[in-house]
Amino acid sequence: MAYCINCGGEIAPDARFCKHCGKALEHGGQPNENTGNTYQRQNEEQEQNVTPSLEVEQHNDPQVEQASNETNGNQNRKKMNKKSKIILFSTAALIILLIGVYAVGNTMTSPKHVLDEFQSAIEEEDAGKLASLLTTDDDELEITEESVKGMIALYNAKQNEFKVVLNHLEYQADGEVDQLGTYALDFQKDGKKFLLFDDYEITVNPVYFEVATNYKDTKIIVGDEVVATADKDNAQLEIGPFLPGEHTIRATLYAGFFNLEREETTVGDPNFPAYVDLYLDGDMVTFDLGMKGYDELSSINLFVNGVDTGVDIAKQDQVGPLLIDGSMNVSFEAELPWGTVRTNDQPLTERYMEFNLGDSDEFKQQIQDILVTYNEEFGEVYSTANPDALTTAIPDLKDRIVEEAAYNLENDIMYDGAFHGMDFYQDSFTLEKSYEGFWELTVDTITYYEEAIYEKGTDAELEQVEDETRYVLAYDQQQETWAVRGIDYAGSMEEDRMERVTVEEPVFHTSDKGKEKE
């Protein structure tokens, strides 16, 4: 690279004229870097010697003035080098950028932008955005995505309330002080952001609830959090703070074997705590032990909805709180002389409840088998007067049947008959302890058989019989078995509660032949 000996500007090695000052290059440019510096020193010395004369000449000679102007223009062009241009353009770009940033920042922090973001967060159900827009002065109030969902649900469900809140916020955004703290939300200016822009925020005014419940130790739950526990019966508790919006508040009482629950969905108001009635619908239930002689048992375990409560109603006959609306089922288990009996479930519908230990499917099946056997044996003993044929009746009843059968045979009164089956009324298996001190069971049935009772030597015509019969059975502790004690008329029976047992191959008995025939 070469340099002009006149102005010191960079030129090509084979250039004939300087592109900076226009001078002819008779001897070519200087090839070394010191040329510029040499020219500068020479030029400074020349300027010191000729400056006064040049000034005089310039005033007098227009050509000299024109040359001087051309020289100054060349010098200015020399000074606007590449580095200067970069600095100039960078400064301009920075100024433009700062203006743009300010404009964007001013827009992003404007009241209108904040309110638009709030409105879109509600309408789009964007819990994350909404949580980021809200703030509170209450240190105990936590604003999270989960906690703002109630506000979103409320304002989307009740558009009129949402419009009221938006109008209130817009009014405050215009600079008016509009009843701070009386609405769910307030719009307020909060200093500066980045030292340049006004900072605006939407402040949440917390809400509280006054909860009433009737049982001690009842837990009050909001979401998944236990927020209070009743320390006495008929308690009133203030809970909060919460964000405005819909809240589901639940009361639950663990009674040792089940949960008694109630829940209400309500909306809070910043002006006063909303009242929430969470009285549980449980009642203390008394179980009757004396009516059927169960008070003499050593223990009776109570089951609720299939779960052993651990409560022995033989020692504690009042239990609760329990639901008596039919949604809760109870059953009982007791140790009886013939074994352990567990009753079927039955709905709880009364505060004072009688129960029946005979209402057990397993126990009912045992009794049904005994009664079917009794009726099959009856035909045998009544046609033969054989006492050994009857094993399912107590001695007193057996003796009466055998005596009557023997009398008929002695007087040529014949019996023909066959037992076909029985309908058992399932709600009639009633077990109680009698005043005589033994266990007794009554069962209502419809007994199906055919029979004919006639004088010997006459024609027999069989009659189809449907006999509504109540059987009374007693437990023989010595024989450790149930036996028929008596027969009576049945009470009213419901058809849809009958269970039929059919004898597949009935045995026909006749005293005329003195033997069985098919």
Protein backbone atom coordinates (compact mmCIF):
# COMPACT_ATOMS: atom_id res chain seq x y z
CA MET A 1 0.00 0.00 0.00
CA ALA A 2 1.27 3.53 -0.92
CA TYR A 3 0.43 7.00 0.39
CA CYS A 4 0.12 10.40 -1.32
CA ILE A 5 3.11 12.68 -0.57
CA ASN A 6 0.80 15.67 -0.72
CA CYS A 7 -2.15 14.72 1.52
CA GLY A 8 -1.08 11.40 3.03
CA GLY A 9 -4.17 9.49 1.83
CA GLU A 10 -4.02 5.84 0.84
CA ILE A 11 -3.54 5.24 -2.89
CA ALA A 12 -2.88 2.32 -5.19
CA PRO A 13 0.84 1.66 -5.91
CA ASP A 14 0.44 2.39 -9.69
CA ALA A 15 -1.94 5.42 -9.34
CA ARG A 16 -1.04 8.56 -11.30
CA PHE A 17 -3.33 10.92 -9.44
CA CYS A 18 -4.37 11.04 -5.76
CA LYS A 19 -8.03 10.21 -5.38
CA HIS A 20 -8.19 12.31 -2.21
CA CYS A 21 -6.52 15.62 -3.20
CA GLY A 22 -6.32 15.23 -7.02
CA LYS A 23 -2.58 16.03 -7.25
CA ALA A 24 -0.43 14.41 -9.94
CA LEU A 25 1.92 11.80 -8.63
CA GLU A 26 5.11 12.32 -10.60
CA HIS A 27 7.29 10.05 -8.58
CA GLY A 28 4.57 7.63 -7.35
CA GLY A 29 3.38 7.28 -3.79
CA GLN A 30 5.45 6.52 -0.79
CA PRO A 31 5.36 2.81 -0.13
CA ASN A 32 5.91 2.91 3.59
CA GLU A 33 3.66 3.76 6.50
CA ASN A 34 5.69 6.78 7.59
CA THR A 35 4.69 8.78 4.53
CA GLY A 36 1.50 9.95 6.18
CA ASN A 37 3.36 11.05 9.28
CA THR A 38 6.07 12.81 7.20
CA TYR A 39 3.42 14.65 5.25
CA GLN A 40 1.70 15.67 8.45
CA ARG A 41 4.90 17.15 9.90
CA GLN A 42 5.72 18.96 6.65
CA ASN A 43 2.21 20.25 6.35
CA GLU A 44 2.23 21.56 9.94
CA GLU A 45 5.52 23.45 9.29
CA GLN A 46 4.16 24.90 6.05
CA GLU A 47 0.94 25.99 7.75
CA GLN A 48 2.96 27.83 10.41
CA ASN A 49 4.98 29.73 7.76
CA VAL A 50 2.34 30.54 5.20
CA THR A 51 -0.86 31.02 7.18
CA PRO A 52 -0.69 34.83 7.39
CA SER A 53 0.10 35.33 3.73
CA LEU A 54 -2.55 32.86 2.69
CA GLU A 55 -5.16 34.71 4.66
CA VAL A 56 -4.23 37.94 2.92
CA GLU A 57 -4.25 36.36 -0.47
CA GLN A 58 -7.54 34.69 0.18
CA HIS A 59 -9.19 38.02 0.90
CA ASN A 60 -7.81 39.50 -2.26
CA ASP A 61 -7.95 36.63 -4.70
CA PRO A 62 -11.22 34.79 -5.46
CA GLN A 63 -9.35 31.91 -7.02
CA VAL A 64 -7.37 31.49 -3.88
CA GLU A 65 -10.61 31.47 -1.83
CA GLN A 66 -12.09 28.85 -4.11
CA ALA A 67 -8.98 26.72 -3.81
CA SER A 68 -9.09 27.15 -0.08
CA ASN A 69 -12.70 25.91 0.06
CA GLU A 70 -11.80 22.94 -2.08
CA THR A 71 -8.92 22.19 0.28
CA ASN A 72 -11.23 22.37 3.35
CA GLY A 73 -13.77 20.07 1.69
CA ASN A 74 -11.04 17.61 0.98
CA GLN A 75 -9.95 17.79 4.58
CA ASN A 76 -13.56 17.15 5.82
CA ARG A 77 -13.86 14.19 3.53
CA LYS A 78 -10.60 12.95 4.94
CA LYS A 79 -11.90 13.23 8.51
CA MET A 80 -15.18 11.22 7.78
CA ASN A 81 -13.42 7.89 7.75
CA LYS A 82 -14.99 4.38 8.25
CA LYS A 83 -14.78 4.41 12.06
CA SER A 84 -16.63 7.73 12.26
CA LYS A 85 -19.40 6.42 10.08
CA ILE A 86 -19.80 3.31 12.28
CA ILE A 87 -20.06 5.46 15.38
CA LEU A 88 -22.59 7.74 13.75
CA PHE A 89 -24.81 4.93 12.52
CA SER A 90 -24.57 3.03 15.81
CA THR A 91 -25.64 6.09 17.76
CA ALA A 92 -28.58 6.63 15.48
CA ALA A 93 -29.64 2.99 15.73
CA LEU A 94 -29.38 3.07 19.52
CA ILE A 95 -31.56 6.16 19.68
CA ILE A 96 -34.16 4.51 17.44
CA LEU A 97 -34.02 1.33 19.55
CA LEU A 98 -34.47 3.24 22.78
CA ILE A 99 -37.42 5.07 21.32
CA GLY A 100 -38.95 1.72 20.24
CA VAL A 101 -38.31 0.09 23.62
CA TYR A 102 -39.89 3.02 25.39
CA ALA A 103 -42.92 2.89 23.12
CA VAL A 104 -43.33 -0.88 23.67
CA GLY A 105 -42.76 -0.59 27.40
CA ASN A 106 -45.22 2.25 27.67
CA THR A 107 -47.83 0.18 25.81
CA MET A 108 -47.19 -3.03 27.77
CA THR A 109 -47.58 -1.26 31.10
CA SER A 110 -50.56 0.85 30.12
CA PRO A 111 -53.83 0.42 32.05
CA LYS A 112 -55.62 -0.71 28.89
CA HIS A 113 -53.10 -3.49 28.25
CA VAL A 114 -53.35 -4.75 31.83
CA LEU A 115 -57.16 -4.84 31.68
CA ASP A 116 -57.14 -6.52 28.25
CA GLU A 117 -54.83 -9.23 29.60
CA PHE A 118 -57.11 -9.73 32.61
CA GLN A 119 -60.19 -10.05 30.42
CA SER A 120 -58.56 -12.52 28.05
CA ALA A 121 -57.27 -14.63 30.96
CA ILE A 122 -60.84 -15.00 32.27
CA GLU A 123 -62.43 -15.66 28.88
CA GLU A 124 -59.73 -18.12 27.80
CA GLU A 125 -59.69 -19.78 31.24
CA ASP A 126 -55.94 -19.25 31.44
CA ALA A 127 -55.26 -19.78 35.14
CA GLY A 128 -51.52 -19.25 34.78
CA LYS A 129 -51.90 -15.85 33.14
CA LEU A 130 -54.55 -14.75 35.62
CA ALA A 131 -52.40 -15.74 38.61
CA SER A 132 -49.52 -13.67 37.21
CA LEU A 133 -51.74 -10.58 36.85
CA LEU A 134 -53.17 -10.57 40.37
CA THR A 135 -51.58 -9.38 43.58
CA THR A 136 -52.71 -8.96 47.18
CA ASP A 137 -51.83 -7.02 50.27
CA ASP A 138 -52.78 -9.98 52.49
CA ASP A 139 -49.71 -12.03 53.39
CA GLU A 140 -51.86 -15.07 54.21
CA LEU A 141 -53.57 -15.14 50.83
CA GLU A 142 -51.77 -17.30 48.29
CA ILE A 143 -52.40 -16.70 44.59
CA THR A 144 -51.78 -19.81 42.50
CA GLU A 145 -53.12 -21.36 39.32
CA GLU A 146 -55.28 -23.63 41.43
CA SER A 147 -56.68 -20.89 43.67
CA VAL A 148 -57.81 -18.65 40.77
CA LYS A 149 -59.91 -21.38 39.13
CA GLY A 150 -62.88 -20.46 41.31
CA MET A 151 -62.73 -16.88 40.02
CA ILE A 152 -62.57 -18.09 36.42
CA ALA A 153 -65.55 -20.39 36.97
CA LEU A 154 -67.61 -17.65 38.60
CA TYR A 155 -67.04 -14.96 35.97
CA ASN A 156 -67.56 -17.33 33.04
CA ALA A 157 -70.79 -18.61 34.57
CA LYS A 158 -72.07 -15.15 35.55
CA GLN A 159 -71.24 -12.73 32.77
CA ASN A 160 -73.17 -9.88 34.37
CA GLU A 161 -70.96 -10.00 37.46
CA PHE A 162 -67.89 -10.06 35.22
CA LYS A 163 -69.08 -6.93 33.40
CA VAL A 164 -69.64 -5.15 36.72
CA VAL A 165 -66.09 -5.94 37.83
CA LEU A 166 -64.62 -4.84 34.47
CA ASN A 167 -66.51 -1.53 34.60
CA HIS A 168 -65.26 -0.98 38.13
CA LEU A 169 -61.64 -1.63 37.10
CA GLU A 170 -61.91 0.61 34.04
CA TYR A 171 -63.34 3.39 36.18
CA GLN A 172 -60.39 3.12 38.53
CA ALA A 173 -57.96 2.93 35.60
CA ASP A 174 -59.23 6.35 34.49
CA GLY A 175 -57.94 7.75 37.77
CA GLU A 176 -61.12 7.73 39.81
CA VAL A 177 -61.03 6.39 43.39
CA ASP A 178 -63.99 4.07 43.33
CA GLN A 179 -64.80 2.36 46.64
CA LEU A 180 -61.52 0.61 47.27
CA GLY A 181 -61.93 -2.73 49.01
CA THR A 182 -65.65 -3.12 48.38
CA TYR A 183 -65.33 -5.02 45.11
CA ALA A 184 -63.58 -8.33 44.55
CA LEU A 185 -60.79 -6.57 42.65
CA ASP A 186 -59.24 -3.09 42.53
CA PHE A 187 -57.08 -1.41 39.87
CA GLN A 188 -54.25 0.62 41.38
CA LYS A 189 -51.04 2.44 40.40
CA ASP A 190 -48.01 1.04 42.20
CA GLY A 191 -44.96 3.22 41.56
CA LYS A 192 -42.67 2.86 38.56
CA LYS A 193 -41.44 -0.06 36.54
CA PHE A 194 -37.87 0.15 35.18
CA LEU A 195 -37.78 3.73 36.55
CA LEU A 196 -39.64 4.97 33.46
CA PHE A 197 -43.13 3.55 33.26
CA ASP A 198 -46.10 3.77 35.59
CA ASP A 199 -46.75 0.35 37.11
CA TYR A 200 -50.37 -0.80 37.46
CA GLU A 201 -51.69 -3.85 39.30
CA ILE A 202 -54.97 -5.66 39.94
CA THR A 203 -55.30 -6.16 43.67
CA VAL A 204 -57.40 -8.98 45.13
CA ASN A 205 -59.59 -8.25 48.14
CA PRO A 206 -59.82 -11.47 50.18
CA VAL A 207 -63.08 -13.11 51.21
CA TYR A 208 -64.01 -15.06 54.34
CA PHE A 209 -66.75 -17.54 55.21
CA GLU A 210 -68.62 -18.23 58.43
CA VAL A 211 -69.24 -21.97 58.65
CA ALA A 212 -71.74 -23.58 61.02
CA THR A 213 -71.68 -27.30 61.85
CA ASN A 214 -73.26 -29.39 64.56
CA TYR A 215 -70.76 -32.02 65.68
CA LYS A 216 -67.47 -31.65 67.50
CA ASP A 217 -64.36 -32.82 65.61
CA THR A 218 -65.97 -32.08 62.24
CA LYS A 219 -63.28 -31.09 59.73
CA ILE A 220 -63.90 -28.18 57.35
CA ILE A 221 -62.18 -28.78 54.02
CA VAL A 222 -61.62 -26.43 51.06
CA GLY A 223 -60.04 -28.12 48.08
CA ASP A 224 -57.79 -30.76 49.61
CA GLU A 225 -56.86 -28.72 52.67
CA VAL A 226 -58.37 -28.96 56.14
CA VAL A 227 -58.81 -25.30 57.08
CA ALA A 228 -60.59 -25.71 60.44
CA THR A 229 -61.88 -28.29 62.94
CA ALA A 230 -64.92 -27.83 65.17
CA ASP A 231 -63.88 -27.82 68.82
CA LYS A 232 -67.44 -28.28 70.12
CA ASP A 233 -70.95 -29.25 69.08
CA ASN A 234 -72.91 -26.56 67.21
CA ALA A 235 -69.77 -24.60 66.35
CA GLN A 236 -69.44 -21.50 64.17
CA LEU A 237 -66.05 -21.04 62.51
CA GLU A 238 -64.64 -18.21 60.37
CA ILE A 239 -62.39 -19.50 57.62
CA GLY A 240 -60.23 -17.60 55.13
CA PRO A 241 -58.73 -15.71 53.47
CA PHE A 242 -59.68 -16.95 50.01
CA LEU A 243 -59.72 -15.44 46.55
CA PRO A 244 -63.09 -14.18 45.34
CA GLY A 245 -64.95 -16.75 43.27
CA GLU A 246 -66.77 -20.04 43.65
CA HIS A 247 -65.64 -22.23 46.53
CA THR A 248 -66.78 -25.73 47.46
CA ILE A 249 -66.63 -26.12 51.23
CA ARG A 250 -67.01 -29.58 52.73
CA ALA A 251 -67.65 -30.80 56.27
CA THR A 252 -66.63 -34.34 57.15
CA LEU A 253 -66.84 -36.28 60.39
CA TYR A 254 -65.11 -39.61 60.80
CA ALA A 255 -67.25 -41.63 63.20
CA GLY A 256 -64.72 -44.42 63.62
CA PHE A 257 -66.18 -46.56 60.84
CA PHE A 258 -67.54 -44.19 58.20
CA ASN A 259 -67.44 -40.56 57.05
CA LEU A 260 -70.44 -38.33 57.53
CA GLU A 261 -70.18 -35.58 54.90
CA ARG A 262 -71.86 -32.53 53.50
CA GLU A 263 -70.69 -29.91 51.03
CA GLU A 264 -71.88 -26.56 49.73
CA THR A 265 -70.69 -24.40 46.81
CA THR A 266 -70.82 -20.69 47.56
CA VAL A 267 -69.45 -17.30 46.49
CA GLY A 268 -67.65 -14.98 48.91
CA ASP A 269 -68.04 -11.22 49.28
CA PRO A 270 -65.22 -8.93 50.46
CA ASN A 271 -67.69 -6.81 52.45
CA PHE A 272 -68.79 -9.50 54.90
CA PRO A 273 -68.25 -13.23 55.55
CA ALA A 274 -70.77 -15.39 53.71
CA TYR A 275 -72.70 -17.84 55.93
CA VAL A 276 -72.38 -21.52 55.04
CA ASP A 277 -74.64 -24.12 56.68
CA LEU A 278 -72.73 -27.41 57.00
CA TYR A 279 -74.90 -29.10 59.60
CA LEU A 280 -74.51 -32.84 59.16
CA ASP A 281 -77.68 -34.90 58.77
CA GLY A 282 -76.64 -37.56 61.26
CA ASP A 283 -78.75 -38.73 64.20
CA MET A 284 -78.15 -40.76 67.31
CA VAL A 285 -79.84 -44.12 66.77
CA THR A 286 -81.08 -46.40 69.56
CA PHE A 287 -81.29 -50.14 68.85
CA ASP A 288 -84.07 -52.07 70.61
CA LEU A 289 -82.69 -55.10 72.40
CA GLY A 290 -85.51 -55.87 74.83
CA MET A 291 -88.40 -56.52 72.45
CA LYS A 292 -87.01 -59.86 71.23
CA GLY A 293 -84.98 -60.75 74.30
CA TYR A 294 -81.62 -59.77 72.78
CA ASP A 295 -80.66 -57.88 75.93
CA GLU A 296 -79.60 -61.21 77.44
CA LEU A 297 -76.88 -61.71 74.82
CA SER A 298 -73.30 -61.04 75.84
CA SER A 299 -72.40 -59.19 72.61
CA ILE A 300 -73.93 -57.98 69.35
CA ASN A 301 -71.54 -56.41 66.86
CA LEU A 302 -72.79 -53.57 64.69
CA PHE A 303 -71.83 -53.37 61.00
CA VAL A 304 -72.46 -50.23 58.92
CA ASN A 305 -72.29 -50.55 55.13
CA GLY A 306 -70.54 -53.88 55.57
CA VAL A 307 -67.84 -52.52 57.87
CA ASP A 308 -67.42 -53.71 61.44
CA THR A 309 -67.82 -50.57 63.55
CA GLY A 310 -66.27 -52.12 66.63
CA VAL A 311 -69.41 -51.08 68.52
CA ASP A 312 -71.06 -53.72 70.74
CA ILE A 313 -74.68 -52.65 71.00
CA ALA A 314 -75.25 -55.15 73.81
CA LYS A 315 -73.17 -52.72 75.89
CA GLN A 316 -73.92 -49.47 74.00
CA ASP A 317 -77.34 -49.47 72.40
CA GLN A 318 -77.20 -45.81 71.25
CA VAL A 319 -74.85 -45.10 68.34
CA GLY A 320 -74.23 -42.07 66.15
CA PRO A 321 -74.27 -39.87 64.36
CA LEU A 322 -75.75 -42.09 61.65
CA LEU A 323 -77.74 -41.28 58.53
CA ILE A 324 -81.37 -42.36 58.73
CA ASP A 325 -82.35 -41.44 55.16
CA GLY A 326 -82.02 -45.01 53.91
CA SER A 327 -78.57 -44.42 52.38
CA MET A 328 -76.87 -46.31 55.19
CA ASN A 329 -77.23 -50.07 55.75
CA VAL A 330 -76.73 -51.87 59.05
CA SER A 331 -76.31 -55.51 59.99
CA PHE A 332 -75.66 -57.41 63.19
CA GLU A 333 -73.56 -60.33 64.29
CA ALA A 334 -74.11 -62.38 67.44
CA GLU A 335 -72.92 -65.63 68.94
CA LEU A 336 -75.98 -67.84 69.49
CA PRO A 337 -76.31 -71.40 70.88
CA TRP A 338 -76.31 -72.93 67.37
CA GLY A 339 -73.44 -70.78 66.07
CA THR A 340 -72.53 -67.32 64.85
CA VAL A 341 -75.31 -65.49 63.02
CA ARG A 342 -74.69 -62.47 60.78
CA THR A 343 -77.84 -60.77 59.56
CA ASN A 344 -78.50 -59.36 56.12
CA ASP A 345 -78.08 -55.64 55.51
CA GLN A 346 -81.13 -53.50 56.09
CA PRO A 347 -81.57 -49.75 55.46
CA LEU A 348 -81.45 -47.43 58.43
CA THR A 349 -84.56 -45.25 58.43
CA GLU A 350 -85.49 -44.62 62.08
CA ARG A 351 -83.91 -43.12 65.18
CA TYR A 352 -85.31 -46.06 67.16
CA MET A 353 -84.71 -49.33 65.41
CA GLU A 354 -85.83 -52.89 66.01
CA PHE A 355 -83.80 -55.59 64.35
CA ASN A 356 -84.15 -59.31 63.77
CA LEU A 357 -81.32 -61.81 64.19
CA GLY A 358 -83.39 -64.29 62.20
CA ASP A 359 -82.87 -62.25 59.02
CA SER A 360 -79.85 -64.22 57.84
CA ASP A 361 -79.76 -66.05 54.51
CA GLU A 362 -77.66 -68.87 55.91
CA PHE A 363 -79.95 -69.31 58.90
CA LYS A 364 -83.07 -69.15 56.71
CA GLN A 365 -81.78 -71.92 54.49
CA GLN A 366 -81.22 -74.11 57.53
CA ILE A 367 -84.81 -73.55 58.72
CA GLN A 368 -86.27 -74.12 55.22
CA ASP A 369 -84.54 -77.51 55.01
CA ILE A 370 -86.00 -78.49 58.38
CA LEU A 371 -89.55 -77.52 57.38
CA VAL A 372 -89.36 -79.36 54.06
CA THR A 373 -88.22 -82.48 55.94
CA TYR A 374 -91.01 -82.04 58.47
CA ASN A 375 -93.70 -82.01 55.76
CA GLU A 376 -92.23 -85.05 54.04
CA GLU A 377 -92.13 -86.90 57.38
CA PHE A 378 -95.66 -85.81 58.24
CA GLY A 379 -97.17 -87.85 55.39
CA GLU A 380 -95.29 -90.92 56.58
CA VAL A 381 -96.27 -90.66 60.24
CA TYR A 382 -99.90 -89.67 59.53
CA SER A 383 -100.42 -92.68 57.31
CA THR A 384 -98.66 -95.17 59.59
CA ALA A 385 -98.76 -93.71 63.14
CA ASN A 386 -95.06 -94.61 63.38
CA PRO A 387 -93.44 -92.17 65.87
CA ASP A 388 -89.95 -92.95 64.60
CA ALA A 389 -90.86 -91.48 61.22
CA LEU A 390 -91.07 -87.92 62.64
CA THR A 391 -87.69 -86.45 63.63
CA THR A 392 -88.29 -82.72 63.10
CA ALA A 393 -90.97 -82.00 65.73
CA ILE A 394 -90.65 -81.49 69.44
CA PRO A 395 -91.85 -84.48 71.52
CA ASP A 396 -95.17 -82.88 72.49
CA LEU A 397 -96.19 -82.14 68.90
CA LYS A 398 -94.97 -85.55 67.73
CA ASP A 399 -97.10 -87.28 70.33
CA ARG A 400 -100.22 -85.42 69.25
CA ILE A 401 -99.68 -86.26 65.56
CA VAL A 402 -98.99 -89.95 66.27
CA GLU A 403 -102.01 -90.15 68.56
CA GLU A 404 -104.30 -88.67 65.91
CA ALA A 405 -102.91 -90.96 63.20
CA ALA A 406 -103.36 -94.05 65.40
CA TYR A 407 -106.93 -93.07 66.19
CA ASN A 408 -107.73 -92.75 62.48
CA LEU A 409 -106.27 -96.14 61.69
CA GLU A 410 -108.19 -97.77 64.50
CA ASN A 411 -111.40 -96.28 63.14
CA ASP A 412 -110.75 -97.13 59.48
CA ILE A 413 -110.19 -93.52 58.56
CA MET A 414 -107.70 -93.59 55.73
CA TYR A 415 -105.16 -90.99 54.64
CA ASP A 416 -103.63 -90.58 51.20
CA GLY A 417 -101.31 -87.68 50.44
CA ALA A 418 -98.12 -86.28 48.96
CA PHE A 419 -96.09 -83.13 49.77
CA HIS A 420 -95.14 -80.98 46.74
CA GLY A 421 -93.33 -77.95 48.12
CA MET A 422 -93.47 -74.62 49.97
CA ASP A 423 -93.29 -70.85 49.45
CA PHE A 424 -91.36 -69.15 52.24
CA TYR A 425 -92.12 -65.50 53.04
CA GLN A 426 -88.62 -64.09 53.45
CA ASP A 427 -89.60 -61.21 55.74
CA SER A 428 -91.23 -63.50 58.28
CA PHE A 429 -88.24 -65.33 59.78
CA THR A 430 -88.51 -63.78 63.24
CA LEU A 431 -86.10 -64.95 65.94
CA GLU A 432 -86.66 -64.10 69.58
CA LYS A 433 -86.08 -65.46 73.03
CA SER A 434 -89.33 -66.52 74.70
CA TYR A 435 -90.40 -65.78 78.24
CA GLU A 436 -89.79 -69.47 79.00
CA GLY A 437 -86.13 -68.91 78.18
CA PHE A 438 -85.75 -70.80 74.88
CA TRP A 439 -85.10 -69.47 71.36
CA GLU A 440 -88.13 -69.46 69.11
CA LEU A 441 -88.59 -68.79 65.40
CA THR A 442 -91.77 -68.14 63.41
CA VAL A 443 -92.03 -68.51 59.62
CA ASP A 444 -95.00 -67.81 57.35
CA THR A 445 -95.41 -70.07 54.32
CA ILE A 446 -97.72 -71.43 51.69
CA THR A 447 -97.53 -75.24 51.83
CA TYR A 448 -98.47 -77.21 48.70
CA TYR A 449 -99.73 -80.81 48.95
CA GLU A 450 -102.49 -83.16 47.84
CA GLU A 451 -104.45 -85.37 50.22
CA ALA A 452 -107.58 -87.31 50.84
CA ILE A 453 -109.06 -88.39 54.19
CA TYR A 454 -111.86 -90.94 53.81
CA GLU A 455 -113.49 -94.00 55.35
CA LYS A 456 -112.06 -97.31 54.46
CA GLY A 457 -113.89 -98.97 51.59
CA THR A 458 -115.02 -95.71 49.98
CA ASP A 459 -113.58 -93.96 46.96
CA ALA A 460 -110.79 -91.47 47.68
CA GLU A 461 -110.65 -88.19 45.81
CA LEU A 462 -107.36 -86.27 46.17
CA GLU A 463 -107.61 -82.55 46.84
CA GLN A 464 -104.93 -80.02 45.79
CA VAL A 465 -104.21 -77.88 48.83
CA GLU A 466 -102.41 -74.50 49.18
CA ASP A 467 -102.29 -73.94 52.88
CA GLU A 468 -101.10 -70.59 54.32
CA THR A 469 -99.33 -71.83 57.40
CA ARG A 470 -97.21 -70.29 60.10
CA TYR A 471 -94.67 -72.66 61.59
CA VAL A 472 -93.30 -72.09 65.05
CA LEU A 473 -89.93 -73.69 65.74
CA ALA A 474 -87.91 -73.98 68.94
CA TYR A 475 -84.24 -74.68 69.50
CA ASP A 476 -83.54 -77.81 71.53
CA GLN A 477 -80.26 -77.15 73.30
CA GLN A 478 -79.96 -80.78 74.40
CA GLN A 479 -80.42 -82.13 70.89
CA GLU A 480 -78.70 -79.04 69.42
CA THR A 481 -81.27 -78.79 66.68
CA TRP A 482 -84.32 -76.84 65.59
CA ALA A 483 -87.70 -78.60 65.67
CA VAL A 484 -91.28 -77.68 64.83
CA ARG A 485 -93.14 -76.64 67.96
CA GLY A 486 -96.51 -75.59 66.60
CA ILE A 487 -98.61 -74.61 63.59
CA ASP A 488 -100.81 -71.54 63.19
CA TYR A 489 -102.39 -69.29 60.56
CA ALA A 490 -99.98 -67.18 58.53
CA GLY A 491 -100.07 -63.42 58.46
CA SER A 492 -100.15 -61.23 55.38
CA MET A 493 -97.44 -62.01 52.82
CA GLU A 494 -96.05 -60.09 49.85
CA GLU A 495 -95.83 -62.11 46.66
CA ASP A 496 -92.55 -60.62 45.50
CA ARG A 497 -90.89 -61.61 48.79
CA MET A 498 -91.73 -65.31 48.50
CA GLU A 499 -89.12 -67.99 47.83
CA ARG A 500 -90.32 -71.36 46.50
CA VAL A 501 -88.88 -74.78 47.31
CA THR A 502 -90.24 -77.58 45.08
CA VAL A 503 -90.03 -81.31 45.73
CA GLU A 504 -88.82 -82.80 42.48
CA GLU A 505 -90.06 -86.36 43.19
CA PRO A 506 -92.96 -86.25 45.68
CA VAL A 507 -93.53 -89.39 47.75
CA PHE A 508 -97.15 -90.61 47.92
CA HIS A 509 -98.25 -91.98 51.31
CA THR A 510 -101.39 -94.08 51.96
CA SER A 511 -102.63 -95.74 55.11
CA ASP A 512 -104.89 -98.10 53.07
CA LYS A 513 -101.90 -99.97 51.72
CA GLY A 514 -99.73 -99.34 54.74
CA LYS A 515 -96.77 -98.51 52.57
CA GLU A 516 -95.34 -95.86 50.24
CA LYS A 517 -95.81 -95.91 46.55
CA GLU A 518 -94.44 -93.73 43.80
